[in-house]
Amino acid sequence: MAKEETEIDGVRLTSPDKVLYPEQGVTKRDLAEYYLAVADVMLPHVARRPITLVRCPTGREKKCFYQRHAGSGVPPELKQIPIEGFEEPYLYLEDSRGLIALVQMGVLEIHPWNSHVDKPHRPDQVVFDLDPGEGLAFPDVVAAAHELRAKLDSLGLASVPKTTGGKGLHLVVPIERRYEWRDVKSFAKAVGNALAKDAPDRYLTKQSIAERRGRIYIDYLRNDPTSTAVAPYSTRSREGAPVSVPLTWDEVVPSLDPKAFTVRTVPTRVASLKADPWASIAEMKQRLPKL
């Protein structure tokens, strides 16, 4: 095997010393070892779901691009699934070898669908993306997350939080696989609109950047096959090698620092946790109420 190649988890990795995150010196090998370290807690939320990818073959500071479909030159560790309504098949993975194969492709972000490959048009979760506008700090996002949680609780729905690898938070509501995409998106929009109506000075559901200053955008559009949210434990193609991390509600406090969750720190967190913060998500079979 050439010096410019190695194997991790049985997957061929070329140019393992290529630096992907220059500020931290995180290499391709480092990223592959990161995904191996978190695979056990990540795979339940990513495996056998169609995925959209953000590829940065020469590192996060260079050209990055979205890839939604399989294309050519797919590593054998990844699978393909044709989906009705799309001309080209989507990729999906089944195990840790699939995660390493994505690293080989230069993937820095993994965005799974809210559904599995056996029923791609039947989502099993609703995602709310809380995105703060200019002038707001992270404690404002924390307060919004708890207010949205209370709203969902009042509808009989439990939710779980996670960081986004950016400045916001995601709330995920696990549901039964009985609804179509349009139903799930309509429900998320109705919940967001209800919060915005009650507190228009703090929330909005419009995409207008100009109107977001001092308010939190409740992005309900993540409930669509072509507008997905970043996966739990996925890295982001941003400075600091940040990671989207599942949390317990006890951790969602004003002092929470999402920048503390990186490729370097998250494996230690995972190893030290007594339980997976999202361990109960598979048992949450919830039905959406009519609004």
C-alpha atoms as a PDB file:
ATOM      1  CA  MET A   1       0.000   0.000   0.000  1.00  0.00           C
ATOM      2  CA  ALA A   2       1.380   3.410  -0.971  1.00  0.00           C
ATOM      3  CA  LYS A   3       2.522   5.794   1.750  1.00  0.00           C
ATOM      4  CA  GLU A   4      -0.256   8.170   0.719  1.00  0.00           C
ATOM      5  CA  GLU A   5      -2.863   5.569   1.657  1.00  0.00           C
ATOM      6  CA  THR A   6      -4.016   3.804   4.774  1.00  0.00           C
ATOM      7  CA  GLU A   7      -6.938   1.704   5.918  1.00  0.00           C
ATOM      8  CA  ILE A   8      -9.330   2.626   8.713  1.00  0.00           C
ATOM      9  CA  ASP A   9     -12.064   0.183   9.656  1.00  0.00           C
ATOM     10  CA  GLY A  10     -11.148  -1.733   6.518  1.00  0.00           C
ATOM     11  CA  VAL A  11     -11.844   1.266   4.266  1.00  0.00           C
ATOM     12  CA  ARG A  12      -9.190   2.665   1.935  1.00  0.00           C
ATOM     13  CA  LEU A  13      -8.270   6.243   2.843  1.00  0.00           C
ATOM     14  CA  THR A  14      -6.083   8.189   0.426  1.00  0.00           C
ATOM     15  CA  SER A  15      -4.027  11.224   1.477  1.00  0.00           C
ATOM     16  CA  PRO A  16      -4.787  10.587   5.176  1.00  0.00           C
ATOM     17  CA  ASP A  17      -2.595  13.507   6.263  1.00  0.00           C
ATOM     18  CA  LYS A  18      -4.454  16.066   4.141  1.00  0.00           C
ATOM     19  CA  VAL A  19      -5.543  18.905   6.446  1.00  0.00           C
ATOM     20  CA  LEU A  20      -9.295  19.544   6.299  1.00  0.00           C
ATOM     21  CA  TYR A  21      -9.597  22.072   9.138  1.00  0.00           C
ATOM     22  CA  PRO A  22      -6.441  24.238   9.007  1.00  0.00           C
ATOM     23  CA  GLU A  23      -7.108  26.154  12.243  1.00  0.00           C
ATOM     24  CA  GLN A  24      -7.049  22.944  14.299  1.00  0.00           C
ATOM     25  CA  GLY A  25      -4.831  20.885  12.023  1.00  0.00           C
ATOM     26  CA  VAL A  26      -7.576  18.255  11.708  1.00  0.00           C
ATOM     27  CA  THR A  27      -6.598  15.790   8.984  1.00  0.00           C
ATOM     28  CA  LYS A  28      -8.533  13.294   6.924  1.00  0.00           C
ATOM     29  CA  ARG A  29      -7.215  10.557   9.225  1.00  0.00           C
ATOM     30  CA  ASP A  30      -8.350  12.530  12.292  1.00  0.00           C
ATOM     31  CA  LEU A  31     -11.846  12.883  10.853  1.00  0.00           C
ATOM     32  CA  ALA A  32     -12.090   9.171  10.074  1.00  0.00           C
ATOM     33  CA  GLU A  33     -10.971   8.313  13.606  1.00  0.00           C
ATOM     34  CA  TYR A  34     -13.533  10.768  14.982  1.00  0.00           C
ATOM     35  CA  TYR A  35     -16.386   9.008  13.177  1.00  0.00           C
ATOM     36  CA  LEU A  36     -15.154   5.642  14.397  1.00  0.00           C
ATOM     37  CA  ALA A  37     -15.228   6.980  17.961  1.00  0.00           C
ATOM     38  CA  VAL A  38     -18.847   8.205  17.713  1.00  0.00           C
ATOM     39  CA  ALA A  39     -20.237   5.569  15.341  1.00  0.00           C
ATOM     40  CA  ASP A  40     -22.159   3.622  17.996  1.00  0.00           C
ATOM     41  CA  VAL A  41     -24.212   6.665  19.047  1.00  0.00           C
ATOM     42  CA  MET A  42     -24.399   8.266  15.608  1.00  0.00           C
ATOM     43  CA  LEU A  43     -25.492   5.352  13.432  1.00  0.00           C
ATOM     44  CA  PRO A  44     -28.956   4.912  15.006  1.00  0.00           C
ATOM     45  CA  HIS A  45     -29.801   8.405  13.717  1.00  0.00           C
ATOM     46  CA  VAL A  46     -28.097   8.199  10.304  1.00  0.00           C
ATOM     47  CA  ALA A  47     -27.987   4.615   9.054  1.00  0.00           C
ATOM     48  CA  ARG A  48     -30.411   3.570   6.300  1.00  0.00           C
ATOM     49  CA  ARG A  49     -31.582   7.131   5.677  1.00  0.00           C
ATOM     50  CA  PRO A  50     -31.093   8.872   2.308  1.00  0.00           C
ATOM     51  CA  ILE A  51     -28.378  11.479   2.741  1.00  0.00           C
ATOM     52  CA  THR A  52     -27.398  14.818   1.274  1.00  0.00           C
ATOM     53  CA  LEU A  53     -23.698  15.636   1.534  1.00  0.00           C
ATOM     54  CA  VAL A  54     -21.521  18.722   1.775  1.00  0.00           C
ATOM     55  CA  ARG A  55     -18.243  17.782   0.137  1.00  0.00           C
ATOM     56  CA  CYS A  56     -15.035  19.772   0.657  1.00  0.00           C
ATOM     57  CA  PRO A  57     -12.364  17.593  -1.014  1.00  0.00           C
ATOM     58  CA  THR A  58      -9.549  20.061  -0.376  1.00  0.00           C
ATOM     59  CA  GLY A  59     -10.630  21.219   3.071  1.00  0.00           C
ATOM     60  CA  ARG A  60     -13.201  23.552   4.556  1.00  0.00           C
ATOM     61  CA  GLU A  61     -11.507  26.753   3.347  1.00  0.00           C
ATOM     62  CA  LYS A  62     -11.604  25.675  -0.297  1.00  0.00           C
ATOM     63  CA  LYS A  63     -14.504  24.978  -2.630  1.00  0.00           C
ATOM     64  CA  CYS A  64     -17.352  23.009  -1.015  1.00  0.00           C
ATOM     65  CA  PHE A  65     -20.491  21.787  -2.749  1.00  0.00           C
ATOM     66  CA  TYR A  66     -23.746  19.986  -2.016  1.00  0.00           C
ATOM     67  CA  GLN A  67     -24.305  16.525  -3.423  1.00  0.00           C
ATOM     68  CA  ARG A  68     -27.819  15.097  -3.253  1.00  0.00           C
ATOM     69  CA  HIS A  69     -27.538  12.153  -5.605  1.00  0.00           C
ATOM     70  CA  ALA A  70     -25.211   9.189  -5.901  1.00  0.00           C
ATOM     71  CA  GLY A  71     -23.327  10.208  -9.047  1.00  0.00           C
ATOM     72  CA  SER A  72     -20.306   8.229 -10.282  1.00  0.00           C
ATOM     73  CA  GLY A  73     -17.377   6.750  -8.410  1.00  0.00           C
ATOM     74  CA  VAL A  74     -19.369   5.772  -5.317  1.00  0.00           C
ATOM     75  CA  PRO A  75     -17.293   3.821  -2.773  1.00  0.00           C
ATOM     76  CA  PRO A  76     -18.498   0.219  -2.328  1.00  0.00           C
ATOM     77  CA  GLU A  77     -19.139   0.853   1.379  1.00  0.00           C
ATOM     78  CA  LEU A  78     -22.068   3.128   0.438  1.00  0.00           C
ATOM     79  CA  LYS A  79     -25.431   2.010  -0.923  1.00  0.00           C
ATOM     80  CA  GLN A  80     -27.802   3.574  -3.450  1.00  0.00           C
ATOM     81  CA  ILE A  81     -31.587   3.797  -3.394  1.00  0.00           C
ATOM     82  CA  PRO A  82     -33.890   4.941  -6.209  1.00  0.00           C
ATOM     83  CA  ILE A  83     -36.694   7.089  -4.794  1.00  0.00           C
ATOM     84  CA  GLU A  84     -39.952   7.840  -6.534  1.00  0.00           C
ATOM     85  CA  GLY A  85     -40.077  11.464  -7.622  1.00  0.00           C
ATOM     86  CA  PHE A  86     -36.312  11.810  -8.124  1.00  0.00           C
ATOM     87  CA  GLU A  87     -34.528  11.027 -11.379  1.00  0.00           C
ATOM     88  CA  GLU A  88     -31.285   9.885  -9.748  1.00  0.00           C
ATOM     89  CA  PRO A  89     -30.748   7.576  -6.753  1.00  0.00           C
ATOM     90  CA  TYR A  90     -29.695   8.782  -3.317  1.00  0.00           C
ATOM     91  CA  LEU A  91     -26.827   7.455  -1.235  1.00  0.00           C
ATOM     92  CA  TYR A  92     -27.207   5.901   2.189  1.00  0.00           C
ATOM     93  CA  LEU A  93     -24.960   4.075   4.627  1.00  0.00           C
ATOM     94  CA  GLU A  94     -25.449   1.094   6.879  1.00  0.00           C
ATOM     95  CA  ASP A  95     -22.447   0.991   9.193  1.00  0.00           C
ATOM     96  CA  SER A  96     -19.242   2.672  10.365  1.00  0.00           C
ATOM     97  CA  ARG A  97     -17.508   1.734   7.119  1.00  0.00           C
ATOM     98  CA  GLY A  98     -19.998   3.966   5.339  1.00  0.00           C
ATOM     99  CA  LEU A  99     -18.994   6.874   7.571  1.00  0.00           C
ATOM    100  CA  ILE A 100     -15.315   6.339   6.715  1.00  0.00           C
ATOM    101  CA  ALA A 101     -16.199   6.145   3.018  1.00  0.00           C
ATOM    102  CA  LEU A 102     -17.798   9.589   3.299  1.00  0.00           C
ATOM    103  CA  VAL A 103     -14.547  10.917   4.776  1.00  0.00           C
ATOM    104  CA  GLN A 104     -12.713   9.431   1.794  1.00  0.00           C
ATOM    105  CA  MET A 105     -15.072  11.454  -0.435  1.00  0.00           C
ATOM    106  CA  GLY A 106     -14.175  14.659   1.416  1.00  0.00           C
ATOM    107  CA  VAL A 107     -17.561  14.968   3.105  1.00  0.00           C
ATOM    108  CA  LEU A 108     -17.611  17.476   5.983  1.00  0.00           C
ATOM    109  CA  GLU A 109     -21.385  17.541   6.537  1.00  0.00           C
ATOM    110  CA  ILE A 110     -23.927  14.719   6.533  1.00  0.00           C
ATOM    111  CA  HIS A 111     -27.584  15.694   6.157  1.00  0.00           C
ATOM    112  CA  PRO A 112     -29.957  12.721   6.476  1.00  0.00           C
ATOM    113  CA  TRP A 113     -33.585  12.696   5.496  1.00  0.00           C
ATOM    114  CA  ASN A 114     -36.210  12.568   8.239  1.00  0.00           C
ATOM    115  CA  SER A 115     -37.151   9.145   6.885  1.00  0.00           C
ATOM    116  CA  HIS A 116     -35.631   5.723   6.199  1.00  0.00           C
ATOM    117  CA  VAL A 117     -34.902   4.090   2.858  1.00  0.00           C
ATOM    118  CA  ASP A 118     -37.678   1.505   3.262  1.00  0.00           C
ATOM    119  CA  LYS A 119     -40.313   4.268   3.476  1.00  0.00           C
ATOM    120  CA  PRO A 120     -38.633   7.407   2.136  1.00  0.00           C
ATOM    121  CA  HIS A 121     -41.900   9.328   1.810  1.00  0.00           C
ATOM    122  CA  ARG A 122     -42.993   8.648   5.400  1.00  0.00           C
ATOM    123  CA  PRO A 123     -40.992  10.874   7.803  1.00  0.00           C
ATOM    124  CA  ASP A 124     -40.408   9.614  11.336  1.00  0.00           C
ATOM    125  CA  GLN A 125     -39.502  12.971  12.846  1.00  0.00           C
ATOM    126  CA  VAL A 126     -40.255  16.689  12.728  1.00  0.00           C
ATOM    127  CA  VAL A 127     -37.337  19.134  12.902  1.00  0.00           C
ATOM    128  CA  PHE A 128     -37.483  22.726  14.146  1.00  0.00           C
ATOM    129  CA  ASP A 129     -34.411  24.853  13.468  1.00  0.00           C
ATOM    130  CA  LEU A 130     -34.034  27.877  15.754  1.00  0.00           C
ATOM    131  CA  ASP A 131     -31.823  30.420  14.011  1.00  0.00           C
ATOM    132  CA  PRO A 132     -31.042  33.673  15.870  1.00  0.00           C
ATOM    133  CA  GLY A 133     -30.965  36.928  13.995  1.00  0.00           C
ATOM    134  CA  GLU A 134     -28.377  39.654  14.372  1.00  0.00           C
ATOM    135  CA  GLY A 135     -28.248  41.160  17.852  1.00  0.00           C
ATOM    136  CA  LEU A 136     -29.176  37.980  19.726  1.00  0.00           C
ATOM    137  CA  ALA A 137     -26.913  35.803  21.877  1.00  0.00           C
ATOM    138  CA  PHE A 138     -27.024  32.071  22.512  1.00  0.00           C
ATOM    139  CA  PRO A 139     -28.984  32.418  25.792  1.00  0.00           C
ATOM    140  CA  ASP A 140     -31.793  33.869  23.649  1.00  0.00           C
ATOM    141  CA  VAL A 141     -31.785  30.660  21.606  1.00  0.00           C
ATOM    142  CA  VAL A 142     -31.859  28.595  24.797  1.00  0.00           C
ATOM    143  CA  ALA A 143     -34.920  30.515  26.006  1.00  0.00           C
ATOM    144  CA  ALA A 144     -36.617  29.994  22.641  1.00  0.00           C
ATOM    145  CA  ALA A 145     -35.885  26.261  22.745  1.00  0.00           C
ATOM    146  CA  HIS A 146     -37.578  25.927  26.125  1.00  0.00           C
ATOM    147  CA  GLU A 147     -40.546  27.965  24.951  1.00  0.00           C
ATOM    148  CA  LEU A 148     -40.923  25.802  21.857  1.00  0.00           C
ATOM    149  CA  ARG A 149     -40.564  22.692  23.994  1.00  0.00           C
ATOM    150  CA  ALA A 150     -43.384  23.926  26.247  1.00  0.00           C
ATOM    151  CA  LYS A 151     -45.553  24.584  23.189  1.00  0.00           C
ATOM    152  CA  LEU A 152     -44.941  21.052  21.934  1.00  0.00           C
ATOM    153  CA  ASP A 153     -45.576  19.625  25.411  1.00  0.00           C
ATOM    154  CA  SER A 154     -48.943  21.380  25.426  1.00  0.00           C
ATOM    155  CA  LEU A 155     -49.741  19.476  22.232  1.00  0.00           C
ATOM    156  CA  GLY A 156     -48.752  16.190  23.837  1.00  0.00           C
ATOM    157  CA  LEU A 157     -45.447  15.921  21.987  1.00  0.00           C
ATOM    158  CA  ALA A 158     -42.039  15.188  23.513  1.00  0.00           C
ATOM    159  CA  SER A 159     -38.974  16.676  21.831  1.00  0.00           C
ATOM    160  CA  VAL A 160     -35.207  16.274  22.017  1.00  0.00           C
ATOM    161  CA  PRO A 161     -32.609  19.040  21.495  1.00  0.00           C
ATOM    162  CA  LYS A 162     -29.237  19.218  19.792  1.00  0.00           C
ATOM    163  CA  THR A 163     -26.714  21.826  18.806  1.00  0.00           C
ATOM    164  CA  THR A 164     -26.399  22.588  15.111  1.00  0.00           C
ATOM    165  CA  GLY A 165     -22.657  23.085  14.892  1.00  0.00           C
ATOM    166  CA  GLY A 166     -23.520  26.758  14.457  1.00  0.00           C
ATOM    167  CA  LYS A 167     -25.293  29.435  16.466  1.00  0.00           C
ATOM    168  CA  GLY A 168     -28.708  27.790  16.727  1.00  0.00           C
ATOM    169  CA  LEU A 169     -30.440  24.753  18.161  1.00  0.00           C
ATOM    170  CA  HIS A 170     -32.536  21.983  16.652  1.00  0.00           C
ATOM    171  CA  LEU A 171     -35.578  20.424  18.306  1.00  0.00           C
ATOM    172  CA  VAL A 172     -36.546  17.009  16.989  1.00  0.00           C
ATOM    173  CA  VAL A 173     -39.978  15.449  17.515  1.00  0.00           C
ATOM    174  CA  PRO A 174     -40.077  11.686  16.809  1.00  0.00           C
ATOM    175  CA  ILE A 175     -43.345  10.592  15.177  1.00  0.00           C
ATOM    176  CA  GLU A 176     -45.050   7.523  13.778  1.00  0.00           C
ATOM    177  CA  ARG A 177     -44.399   6.816  10.106  1.00  0.00           C
ATOM    178  CA  ARG A 178     -47.959   7.509   9.040  1.00  0.00           C
ATOM    179  CA  TYR A 179     -47.704  11.036   7.610  1.00  0.00           C
ATOM    180  CA  GLU A 180     -46.566  12.434   4.282  1.00  0.00           C
ATOM    181  CA  TRP A 181     -43.918  15.129   3.935  1.00  0.00           C
ATOM    182  CA  ARG A 182     -46.459  17.871   3.252  1.00  0.00           C
ATOM    183  CA  ASP A 183     -48.357  16.990   6.435  1.00  0.00           C
ATOM    184  CA  VAL A 184     -45.226  17.157   8.557  1.00  0.00           C
ATOM    185  CA  LYS A 185     -44.077  20.446   7.042  1.00  0.00           C
ATOM    186  CA  SER A 186     -47.557  21.957   7.470  1.00  0.00           C
ATOM    187  CA  PHE A 187     -47.590  20.939  11.119  1.00  0.00           C
ATOM    188  CA  ALA A 188     -44.145  22.456  11.753  1.00  0.00           C
ATOM    189  CA  LYS A 189     -45.207  25.662  10.022  1.00  0.00           C
ATOM    190  CA  ALA A 190     -48.382  25.885  12.114  1.00  0.00           C
ATOM    191  CA  VAL A 191     -46.443  25.490  15.364  1.00  0.00           C
ATOM    192  CA  GLY A 192     -43.902  28.111  14.285  1.00  0.00           C
ATOM    193  CA  ASN A 193     -46.626  30.509  13.215  1.00  0.00           C
ATOM    194  CA  ALA A 194     -48.392  30.079  16.564  1.00  0.00           C
ATOM    195  CA  LEU A 195     -45.235  31.113  18.447  1.00  0.00           C
ATOM    196  CA  ALA A 196     -44.654  34.022  16.067  1.00  0.00           C
ATOM    197  CA  LYS A 197     -48.246  35.191  16.503  1.00  0.00           C
ATOM    198  CA  ASP A 198     -47.983  35.096  20.312  1.00  0.00           C
ATOM    199  CA  ALA A 199     -44.604  36.868  20.386  1.00  0.00           C
ATOM    200  CA  PRO A 200     -43.990  38.659  17.061  1.00  0.00           C
ATOM    201  CA  ASP A 201     -41.227  40.723  18.640  1.00  0.00           C
ATOM    202  CA  ARG A 202     -39.223  37.541  19.318  1.00  0.00           C
ATOM    203  CA  TYR A 203     -40.100  35.044  16.570  1.00  0.00           C
ATOM    204  CA  LEU A 204     -40.797  34.862  12.854  1.00  0.00           C
ATOM    205  CA  THR A 205     -41.237  32.149  10.256  1.00  0.00           C
ATOM    206  CA  LYS A 206     -40.389  34.261   7.208  1.00  0.00           C
ATOM    207  CA  GLN A 207     -37.053  33.698   5.495  1.00  0.00           C
ATOM    208  CA  SER A 208     -36.379  37.428   5.086  1.00  0.00           C
ATOM    209  CA  ILE A 209     -32.919  38.193   6.498  1.00  0.00           C
ATOM    210  CA  ALA A 210     -33.804  41.871   6.892  1.00  0.00           C
ATOM    211  CA  GLU A 211     -36.668  41.053   9.251  1.00  0.00           C
ATOM    212  CA  ARG A 212     -34.688  38.682  11.473  1.00  0.00           C
ATOM    213  CA  ARG A 213     -32.671  41.242  13.412  1.00  0.00           C
ATOM    214  CA  GLY A 214     -33.397  40.822  17.129  1.00  0.00           C
ATOM    215  CA  ARG A 215     -35.693  37.853  16.468  1.00  0.00           C
ATOM    216  CA  ILE A 216     -35.383  34.083  16.124  1.00  0.00           C
ATOM    217  CA  TYR A 217     -36.269  32.506  12.829  1.00  0.00           C
ATOM    218  CA  ILE A 218     -38.217  29.276  13.355  1.00  0.00           C
ATOM    219  CA  ASP A 219     -37.192  27.336  10.269  1.00  0.00           C
ATOM    220  CA  TYR A 220     -39.843  24.708   9.575  1.00  0.00           C
ATOM    221  CA  LEU A 221     -38.550  24.054   6.049  1.00  0.00           C
ATOM    222  CA  ARG A 222     -36.160  21.344   7.266  1.00  0.00           C
ATOM    223  CA  ASN A 223     -39.064  18.943   6.910  1.00  0.00           C
ATOM    224  CA  ASP A 224     -38.529  18.286   3.240  1.00  0.00           C
ATOM    225  CA  PRO A 225     -36.359  15.829   1.276  1.00  0.00           C
ATOM    226  CA  THR A 226     -34.502  18.698  -0.420  1.00  0.00           C
ATOM    227  CA  SER A 227     -34.011  20.842   2.697  1.00  0.00           C
ATOM    228  CA  THR A 228     -32.528  18.591   5.343  1.00  0.00           C
ATOM    229  CA  ALA A 229     -30.916  19.279   8.732  1.00  0.00           C
ATOM    230  CA  VAL A 230     -27.410  18.260   9.710  1.00  0.00           C
ATOM    231  CA  ALA A 231     -27.075  14.833  11.348  1.00  0.00           C
ATOM    232  CA  PRO A 232     -26.405  14.238  15.039  1.00  0.00           C
ATOM    233  CA  TYR A 233     -22.620  13.993  15.501  1.00  0.00           C
ATOM    234  CA  SER A 234     -21.895  15.287  11.999  1.00  0.00           C
ATOM    235  CA  THR A 235     -19.155  17.832  11.593  1.00  0.00           C
ATOM    236  CA  ARG A 236     -19.814  21.176   9.897  1.00  0.00           C
ATOM    237  CA  SER A 237     -17.696  22.791   7.194  1.00  0.00           C
ATOM    238  CA  ARG A 238     -16.941  25.742   9.456  1.00  0.00           C
ATOM    239  CA  GLU A 239     -14.055  27.205  11.393  1.00  0.00           C
ATOM    240  CA  GLY A 240     -13.349  25.303  14.595  1.00  0.00           C
ATOM    241  CA  ALA A 241     -14.304  21.823  13.306  1.00  0.00           C
ATOM    242  CA  PRO A 242     -17.668  22.081  15.122  1.00  0.00           C
ATOM    243  CA  VAL A 243     -20.026  19.143  15.610  1.00  0.00           C
ATOM    244  CA  SER A 244     -23.824  18.925  15.932  1.00  0.00           C
ATOM    245  CA  VAL A 245     -24.373  17.227  19.297  1.00  0.00           C
ATOM    246  CA  PRO A 246     -27.484  15.657  20.897  1.00  0.00           C
ATOM    247  CA  LEU A 247     -28.243  17.061  24.338  1.00  0.00           C
ATOM    248  CA  THR A 248     -30.401  16.327  27.326  1.00  0.00           C
ATOM    249  CA  TRP A 249     -32.846  19.076  28.254  1.00  0.00           C
ATOM    250  CA  ASP A 250     -30.888  19.589  31.495  1.00  0.00           C
ATOM    251  CA  GLU A 251     -27.940  20.711  29.366  1.00  0.00           C
ATOM    252  CA  VAL A 252     -29.920  23.381  27.524  1.00  0.00           C
ATOM    253  CA  VAL A 253     -29.003  26.255  29.828  1.00  0.00           C
ATOM    254  CA  PRO A 254     -27.797  29.827  29.167  1.00  0.00           C
ATOM    255  CA  SER A 255     -24.179  28.885  29.929  1.00  0.00           C
ATOM    256  CA  LEU A 256     -24.142  26.179  27.232  1.00  0.00           C
ATOM    257  CA  ASP A 257     -21.359  26.849  24.722  1.00  0.00           C
ATOM    258  CA  PRO A 258     -22.020  25.090  21.381  1.00  0.00           C
ATOM    259  CA  LYS A 259     -18.506  25.958  20.209  1.00  0.00           C
ATOM    260  CA  ALA A 260     -17.151  23.568  22.830  1.00  0.00           C
ATOM    261  CA  PHE A 261     -18.364  20.589  20.775  1.00  0.00           C
ATOM    262  CA  THR A 262     -15.679  19.812  18.186  1.00  0.00           C
ATOM    263  CA  VAL A 263     -13.959  16.894  16.495  1.00  0.00           C
ATOM    264  CA  ARG A 264     -11.358  17.037  19.289  1.00  0.00           C
ATOM    265  CA  THR A 265     -13.757  17.157  22.249  1.00  0.00           C
ATOM    266  CA  VAL A 266     -16.858  15.153  21.327  1.00  0.00           C
ATOM    267  CA  PRO A 267     -15.269  11.656  21.492  1.00  0.00           C
ATOM    268  CA  THR A 268     -14.317  12.358  25.116  1.00  0.00           C
ATOM    269  CA  ARG A 269     -17.883  13.509  25.825  1.00  0.00           C
ATOM    270  CA  VAL A 270     -19.355  10.375  24.261  1.00  0.00           C
ATOM    271  CA  ALA A 271     -16.994   8.102  26.193  1.00  0.00           C
ATOM    272  CA  SER A 272     -17.779   9.820  29.499  1.00  0.00           C
ATOM    273  CA  LEU A 273     -21.579   9.898  29.201  1.00  0.00           C
ATOM    274  CA  LYS A 274     -23.409   7.335  31.297  1.00  0.00           C
ATOM    275  CA  ALA A 275     -26.233   7.207  28.747  1.00  0.00           C
ATOM    276  CA  ASP A 276     -26.926   8.399  25.209  1.00  0.00           C
ATOM    277  CA  PRO A 277     -28.926  11.667  25.524  1.00  0.00           C
ATOM    278  CA  TRP A 278     -31.190  10.439  22.729  1.00  0.00           C
ATOM    279  CA  ALA A 279     -31.396   6.791  23.815  1.00  0.00           C
ATOM    280  CA  SER A 280     -35.180   6.916  24.167  1.00  0.00           C
ATOM    281  CA  ILE A 281     -35.903   8.453  20.763  1.00  0.00           C
ATOM    282  CA  ALA A 282     -36.585   5.097  19.075  1.00  0.00           C
ATOM    283  CA  GLU A 283     -39.391   4.374  21.563  1.00  0.00           C
ATOM    284  CA  MET A 284     -41.143   7.712  20.995  1.00  0.00           C
ATOM    285  CA  LYS A 285     -44.016   6.793  18.676  1.00  0.00           C
ATOM    286  CA  GLN A 286     -46.058   9.995  18.581  1.00  0.00           C
ATOM    287  CA  ARG A 287     -48.985  11.146  16.499  1.00  0.00           C
ATOM    288  CA  LEU A 288     -49.364  14.699  15.287  1.00  0.00           C
ATOM    289  CA  PRO A 289     -52.378  16.545  16.702  1.00  0.00           C
ATOM    290  CA  LYS A 290     -54.642  18.538  14.433  1.00  0.00           C
ATOM    291  CA  LEU A 291     -54.033  22.282  14.646  1.00  0.00           C
END
